[in-house]
Amino acid sequence: MTVMSPLHTEKTSILGLDANLVAALTYLVGFVTGAIVLVLEKENRFVRFHATQSILVFGGIVAIDILLQIVPLLGALLVLFLVIPASAILWLVLMFKAYQGEEFKLPLVGRIAAERV
């Protein structure tokens, strides 16, 4: 059973696609697709929430990656064995939840994203 979020009232996005599909696509290429969809989508709050969350989550992951690269060997090992696998799992979960029509909020960035839409 899919639980619809309070933001998920419209079935389609202004882009002419199903809102669940567009919400899932906001995570496809991380913050890049999130930013593109956020600029294009002006009305559907559900899609805008996921686009904002995508920007915050994957922008943060890129920032962590850059900071870890400052420490040559340890940073590279942490990125390779911790950051990349964790972000890949998170990416899949967020896409799946968005496609299912859920307003899946991550602990910190989910609240910020919900306030911004």
N, C-alpha and C. Protein backbone atom coordinates (compact mmCIF):
# COMPACT_ATOMS: atom_id res chain seq x y z
N MET A 1 0.84 -1.17 0.00
CA MET A 1 0.00 0.00 0.00
C MET A 1 0.89 1.24 0.00
N THR A 2 0.61 2.15 -0.90
CA THR A 2 1.39 3.38 -1.00
C THR A 2 0.72 4.47 -0.18
N VAL A 3 1.49 5.12 0.64
CA VAL A 3 0.99 6.23 1.45
C VAL A 3 1.28 7.51 0.69
N MET A 4 0.23 8.23 0.39
CA MET A 4 0.41 9.49 -0.34
C MET A 4 0.76 10.59 0.66
N SER A 5 1.66 11.44 0.27
CA SER A 5 2.07 12.52 1.15
C SER A 5 1.08 13.67 1.04
N PRO A 6 1.08 14.57 2.02
CA PRO A 6 0.20 15.74 1.92
C PRO A 6 0.56 16.63 0.74
N LEU A 7 1.81 16.58 0.30
CA LEU A 7 2.22 17.38 -0.85
C LEU A 7 1.81 16.75 -2.17
N HIS A 8 1.47 15.47 -2.14
CA HIS A 8 1.24 14.71 -3.37
C HIS A 8 -0.24 14.75 -3.72
N THR A 9 -0.72 15.88 -4.22
CA THR A 9 -2.12 16.01 -4.58
C THR A 9 -2.33 15.96 -6.09
N GLU A 10 -1.36 16.36 -6.85
CA GLU A 10 -1.48 16.37 -8.31
C GLU A 10 -0.83 15.12 -8.88
N LYS A 11 -1.48 14.51 -9.86
CA LYS A 11 -0.96 13.28 -10.46
C LYS A 11 0.11 13.55 -11.51
N THR A 12 0.07 14.72 -12.13
CA THR A 12 1.05 15.02 -13.16
C THR A 12 1.84 16.26 -12.79
N SER A 13 2.98 16.36 -13.40
CA SER A 13 3.83 17.51 -13.19
C SER A 13 3.61 18.48 -14.35
N ILE A 14 4.06 19.69 -14.19
CA ILE A 14 3.94 20.67 -15.26
C ILE A 14 4.76 20.25 -16.48
N LEU A 15 5.69 19.34 -16.28
CA LEU A 15 6.51 18.85 -17.37
C LEU A 15 5.74 17.87 -18.26
N GLY A 16 4.50 17.54 -17.87
CA GLY A 16 3.67 16.65 -18.68
C GLY A 16 3.86 15.18 -18.38
N LEU A 17 4.65 14.85 -17.38
CA LEU A 17 4.89 13.46 -17.00
C LEU A 17 4.22 13.18 -15.66
N ASP A 18 4.11 11.90 -15.34
CA ASP A 18 3.58 11.49 -14.06
C ASP A 18 4.45 12.08 -12.95
N ALA A 19 3.83 12.64 -11.91
CA ALA A 19 4.57 13.29 -10.83
C ALA A 19 5.52 12.32 -10.12
N ASN A 20 5.11 11.07 -9.96
CA ASN A 20 5.99 10.09 -9.31
C ASN A 20 7.25 9.86 -10.13
N LEU A 21 7.10 9.78 -11.44
CA LEU A 21 8.25 9.58 -12.31
C LEU A 21 9.20 10.77 -12.25
N VAL A 22 8.67 11.96 -12.33
CA VAL A 22 9.51 13.16 -12.29
C VAL A 22 10.20 13.27 -10.93
N ALA A 23 9.48 12.95 -9.84
CA ALA A 23 10.10 12.99 -8.51
C ALA A 23 11.26 12.01 -8.43
N ALA A 24 11.10 10.82 -8.98
CA ALA A 24 12.20 9.84 -8.99
C ALA A 24 13.35 10.31 -9.85
N LEU A 25 13.04 10.94 -10.97
CA LEU A 25 14.09 11.41 -11.87
C LEU A 25 14.92 12.55 -11.27
N THR A 26 14.38 13.23 -10.26
CA THR A 26 15.17 14.30 -9.64
C THR A 26 16.44 13.76 -8.99
N TYR A 27 16.45 12.47 -8.68
CA TYR A 27 17.62 11.85 -8.05
C TYR A 27 18.55 11.20 -9.08
N LEU A 28 18.15 11.11 -10.33
CA LEU A 28 18.87 10.33 -11.33
C LEU A 28 20.34 10.71 -11.45
N VAL A 29 20.64 11.98 -11.61
CA VAL A 29 22.03 12.43 -11.73
C VAL A 29 22.36 13.37 -10.56
N GLY A 30 21.83 13.01 -9.41
CA GLY A 30 22.13 13.76 -8.19
C GLY A 30 21.60 15.17 -8.22
N PHE A 31 22.39 16.09 -7.73
CA PHE A 31 21.94 17.48 -7.62
C PHE A 31 21.71 18.14 -8.97
N VAL A 32 22.29 17.60 -10.04
CA VAL A 32 22.12 18.19 -11.37
C VAL A 32 20.66 18.08 -11.82
N THR A 33 20.11 16.87 -11.79
CA THR A 33 18.72 16.71 -12.21
C THR A 33 17.78 17.36 -11.19
N GLY A 34 18.17 17.37 -9.93
CA GLY A 34 17.36 18.06 -8.94
C GLY A 34 17.25 19.55 -9.26
N ALA A 35 18.35 20.16 -9.62
CA ALA A 35 18.35 21.60 -9.95
C ALA A 35 17.56 21.88 -11.22
N ILE A 36 17.73 21.03 -12.22
CA ILE A 36 17.00 21.23 -13.48
C ILE A 36 15.50 21.15 -13.25
N VAL A 37 15.07 20.11 -12.54
CA VAL A 37 13.63 19.95 -12.28
C VAL A 37 13.11 21.08 -11.40
N LEU A 38 13.88 21.50 -10.41
CA LEU A 38 13.44 22.59 -9.54
C LEU A 38 13.23 23.88 -10.32
N VAL A 39 14.08 24.14 -11.31
CA VAL A 39 13.92 25.34 -12.13
C VAL A 39 12.70 25.22 -13.03
N LEU A 40 12.47 24.04 -13.60
CA LEU A 40 11.37 23.86 -14.54
C LEU A 40 10.01 23.69 -13.87
N GLU A 41 9.97 23.02 -12.76
CA GLU A 41 8.70 22.72 -12.08
C GLU A 41 8.35 23.82 -11.10
N LYS A 42 7.25 24.50 -11.35
CA LYS A 42 6.87 25.62 -10.50
C LYS A 42 5.65 25.32 -9.63
N GLU A 43 4.85 24.29 -9.97
CA GLU A 43 3.57 24.11 -9.30
C GLU A 43 3.49 22.87 -8.41
N ASN A 44 4.02 21.76 -8.81
CA ASN A 44 3.83 20.51 -8.08
C ASN A 44 4.78 20.47 -6.87
N ARG A 45 4.21 20.61 -5.69
CA ARG A 45 5.01 20.68 -4.46
C ARG A 45 5.71 19.36 -4.15
N PHE A 46 5.10 18.24 -4.51
CA PHE A 46 5.71 16.93 -4.29
C PHE A 46 7.00 16.79 -5.09
N VAL A 47 6.95 17.18 -6.34
CA VAL A 47 8.13 17.12 -7.21
C VAL A 47 9.17 18.11 -6.73
N ARG A 48 8.75 19.30 -6.35
CA ARG A 48 9.69 20.31 -5.87
C ARG A 48 10.38 19.87 -4.56
N PHE A 49 9.64 19.18 -3.70
CA PHE A 49 10.24 18.66 -2.47
C PHE A 49 11.37 17.69 -2.80
N HIS A 50 11.11 16.73 -3.70
CA HIS A 50 12.13 15.75 -4.03
C HIS A 50 13.31 16.39 -4.77
N ALA A 51 13.04 17.39 -5.60
CA ALA A 51 14.12 18.08 -6.29
C ALA A 51 15.01 18.81 -5.28
N THR A 52 14.40 19.47 -4.31
CA THR A 52 15.16 20.19 -3.29
C THR A 52 15.96 19.22 -2.43
N GLN A 53 15.33 18.12 -2.03
CA GLN A 53 16.04 17.13 -1.22
C GLN A 53 17.21 16.54 -2.00
N SER A 54 17.03 16.31 -3.29
CA SER A 54 18.11 15.79 -4.13
C SER A 54 19.30 16.74 -4.16
N ILE A 55 19.02 18.01 -4.33
CA ILE A 55 20.09 19.01 -4.35
C ILE A 55 20.85 19.02 -3.02
N LEU A 56 20.13 19.02 -1.92
CA LEU A 56 20.77 19.07 -0.61
C LEU A 56 21.56 17.80 -0.30
N VAL A 57 20.97 16.64 -0.58
CA VAL A 57 21.64 15.38 -0.24
C VAL A 57 22.88 15.17 -1.09
N PHE A 58 22.73 15.25 -2.40
CA PHE A 58 23.86 14.92 -3.25
C PHE A 58 24.87 16.06 -3.35
N GLY A 59 24.44 17.29 -3.12
CA GLY A 59 25.40 18.38 -2.98
C GLY A 59 26.25 18.19 -1.74
N GLY A 60 25.62 17.73 -0.65
CA GLY A 60 26.35 17.43 0.57
C GLY A 60 27.33 16.27 0.40
N ILE A 61 26.90 15.25 -0.34
CA ILE A 61 27.79 14.11 -0.58
C ILE A 61 29.01 14.54 -1.39
N VAL A 62 28.80 15.39 -2.37
CA VAL A 62 29.93 15.90 -3.16
C VAL A 62 30.87 16.72 -2.28
N ALA A 63 30.30 17.53 -1.40
CA ALA A 63 31.13 18.34 -0.49
C ALA A 63 31.95 17.43 0.45
N ILE A 64 31.31 16.39 0.98
CA ILE A 64 32.03 15.43 1.84
C ILE A 64 33.14 14.75 1.05
N ASP A 65 32.85 14.36 -0.16
CA ASP A 65 33.85 13.72 -1.02
C ASP A 65 35.05 14.64 -1.23
N ILE A 66 34.80 15.89 -1.51
CA ILE A 66 35.89 16.85 -1.74
C ILE A 66 36.71 17.03 -0.46
N LEU A 67 36.03 17.16 0.68
CA LEU A 67 36.75 17.32 1.94
C LEU A 67 37.59 16.09 2.27
N LEU A 68 37.06 14.90 2.01
CA LEU A 68 37.82 13.68 2.29
C LEU A 68 39.02 13.51 1.36
N GLN A 69 38.96 14.08 0.19
CA GLN A 69 40.07 13.97 -0.74
C GLN A 69 41.28 14.79 -0.30
N ILE A 70 41.09 15.68 0.66
CA ILE A 70 42.21 16.48 1.18
C ILE A 70 43.22 15.58 1.88
N VAL A 71 42.72 14.57 2.60
CA VAL A 71 43.59 13.61 3.27
C VAL A 71 43.90 12.51 2.25
N PRO A 72 45.11 12.45 1.72
CA PRO A 72 45.40 11.60 0.56
C PRO A 72 44.95 10.15 0.64
N LEU A 73 45.52 9.34 1.46
CA LEU A 73 45.22 7.91 1.42
C LEU A 73 43.95 7.57 2.21
N LEU A 74 43.86 8.06 3.42
CA LEU A 74 42.70 7.76 4.26
C LEU A 74 41.41 8.28 3.63
N GLY A 75 41.46 9.49 3.10
CA GLY A 75 40.29 10.07 2.46
C GLY A 75 39.83 9.27 1.26
N ALA A 76 40.79 8.85 0.45
CA ALA A 76 40.44 8.05 -0.74
C ALA A 76 39.83 6.71 -0.34
N LEU A 77 40.36 6.09 0.70
CA LEU A 77 39.81 4.82 1.17
C LEU A 77 38.41 4.99 1.74
N LEU A 78 38.19 6.06 2.50
CA LEU A 78 36.86 6.33 3.04
C LEU A 78 35.84 6.58 1.93
N VAL A 79 36.26 7.34 0.92
CA VAL A 79 35.36 7.59 -0.21
C VAL A 79 35.04 6.29 -0.93
N LEU A 80 36.05 5.51 -1.20
CA LEU A 80 35.88 4.28 -1.96
C LEU A 80 35.03 3.24 -1.22
N PHE A 81 35.28 3.05 0.06
CA PHE A 81 34.61 1.97 0.78
C PHE A 81 33.44 2.40 1.65
N LEU A 82 33.23 3.68 1.84
CA LEU A 82 32.13 4.13 2.69
C LEU A 82 31.18 5.08 1.95
N VAL A 83 31.71 6.17 1.42
CA VAL A 83 30.85 7.19 0.83
C VAL A 83 30.17 6.68 -0.44
N ILE A 84 30.91 6.07 -1.34
CA ILE A 84 30.32 5.61 -2.60
C ILE A 84 29.26 4.53 -2.38
N PRO A 85 29.52 3.47 -1.60
CA PRO A 85 28.46 2.47 -1.40
C PRO A 85 27.24 3.04 -0.66
N ALA A 86 27.47 3.86 0.36
CA ALA A 86 26.35 4.44 1.12
C ALA A 86 25.52 5.36 0.24
N SER A 87 26.17 6.17 -0.59
CA SER A 87 25.42 7.08 -1.44
C SER A 87 24.69 6.33 -2.56
N ALA A 88 25.23 5.21 -3.02
CA ALA A 88 24.55 4.40 -4.04
C ALA A 88 23.27 3.78 -3.46
N ILE A 89 23.36 3.27 -2.24
CA ILE A 89 22.17 2.71 -1.59
C ILE A 89 21.14 3.80 -1.33
N LEU A 90 21.59 4.94 -0.84
CA LEU A 90 20.70 6.06 -0.58
C LEU A 90 20.03 6.52 -1.87
N TRP A 91 20.77 6.58 -2.95
CA TRP A 91 20.26 6.98 -4.26
C TRP A 91 19.12 6.06 -4.69
N LEU A 92 19.33 4.76 -4.57
CA LEU A 92 18.29 3.80 -4.96
C LEU A 92 17.05 3.90 -4.08
N VAL A 93 17.25 4.04 -2.77
CA VAL A 93 16.12 4.15 -1.86
C VAL A 93 15.31 5.41 -2.15
N LEU A 94 15.98 6.53 -2.35
CA LEU A 94 15.27 7.79 -2.61
C LEU A 94 14.50 7.74 -3.92
N MET A 95 15.10 7.16 -4.95
CA MET A 95 14.38 7.03 -6.23
C MET A 95 13.16 6.13 -6.07
N PHE A 96 13.31 5.01 -5.38
CA PHE A 96 12.21 4.08 -5.20
C PHE A 96 11.08 4.72 -4.40
N LYS A 97 11.42 5.37 -3.30
CA LYS A 97 10.40 6.01 -2.46
C LYS A 97 9.65 7.11 -3.22
N ALA A 98 10.38 7.91 -3.99
CA ALA A 98 9.74 8.97 -4.77
C ALA A 98 8.81 8.38 -5.82
N TYR A 99 9.24 7.33 -6.49
CA TYR A 99 8.41 6.69 -7.51
C TYR A 99 7.16 6.06 -6.90
N GLN A 100 7.25 5.62 -5.66
CA GLN A 100 6.10 5.04 -4.97
C GLN A 100 5.13 6.11 -4.47
N GLY A 101 5.49 7.38 -4.62
CA GLY A 101 4.61 8.47 -4.21
C GLY A 101 4.78 8.88 -2.76
N GLU A 102 5.87 8.48 -2.15
CA GLU A 102 6.10 8.81 -0.75
C GLU A 102 6.94 10.07 -0.61
N GLU A 103 6.59 10.86 0.37
CA GLU A 103 7.40 12.02 0.72
C GLU A 103 8.39 11.55 1.79
N PHE A 104 9.40 10.84 1.36
CA PHE A 104 10.38 10.23 2.26
C PHE A 104 11.39 11.28 2.66
N LYS A 105 11.32 11.71 3.93
CA LYS A 105 12.20 12.78 4.41
C LYS A 105 13.40 12.18 5.11
N LEU A 106 14.57 12.58 4.67
CA LEU A 106 15.79 12.23 5.39
C LEU A 106 15.88 13.13 6.63
N PRO A 107 16.57 12.69 7.67
CA PRO A 107 16.54 13.41 8.95
C PRO A 107 16.75 14.92 8.90
N LEU A 108 17.80 15.42 8.37
CA LEU A 108 18.04 16.87 8.40
C LEU A 108 17.59 17.54 7.11
N VAL A 109 18.04 17.03 5.99
CA VAL A 109 17.75 17.69 4.71
C VAL A 109 16.28 17.56 4.31
N GLY A 110 15.61 16.52 4.75
CA GLY A 110 14.18 16.36 4.43
C GLY A 110 13.35 17.46 5.04
N ARG A 111 13.65 17.82 6.27
CA ARG A 111 12.93 18.91 6.93
C ARG A 111 13.21 20.25 6.24
N ILE A 112 14.46 20.47 5.88
CA ILE A 112 14.82 21.71 5.19
C ILE A 112 14.13 21.77 3.83
N ALA A 113 14.11 20.66 3.11
CA ALA A 113 13.47 20.62 1.79
C ALA A 113 11.98 20.87 1.90
N ALA A 114 11.34 20.31 2.92
CA ALA A 114 9.90 20.50 3.10
C ALA A 114 9.57 21.96 3.41
N GLU A 115 10.45 22.64 4.12
CA GLU A 115 10.22 24.05 4.44
C GLU A 115 10.42 24.95 3.22
N ARG A 116 11.21 24.52 2.26
CA ARG A 116 11.55 25.35 1.10
C ARG A 116 10.53 25.28 -0.02
N VAL A 117 9.66 24.26 -0.04
CA VAL A 117 8.72 24.14 -1.17
C VAL A 117 7.44 24.87 -0.95
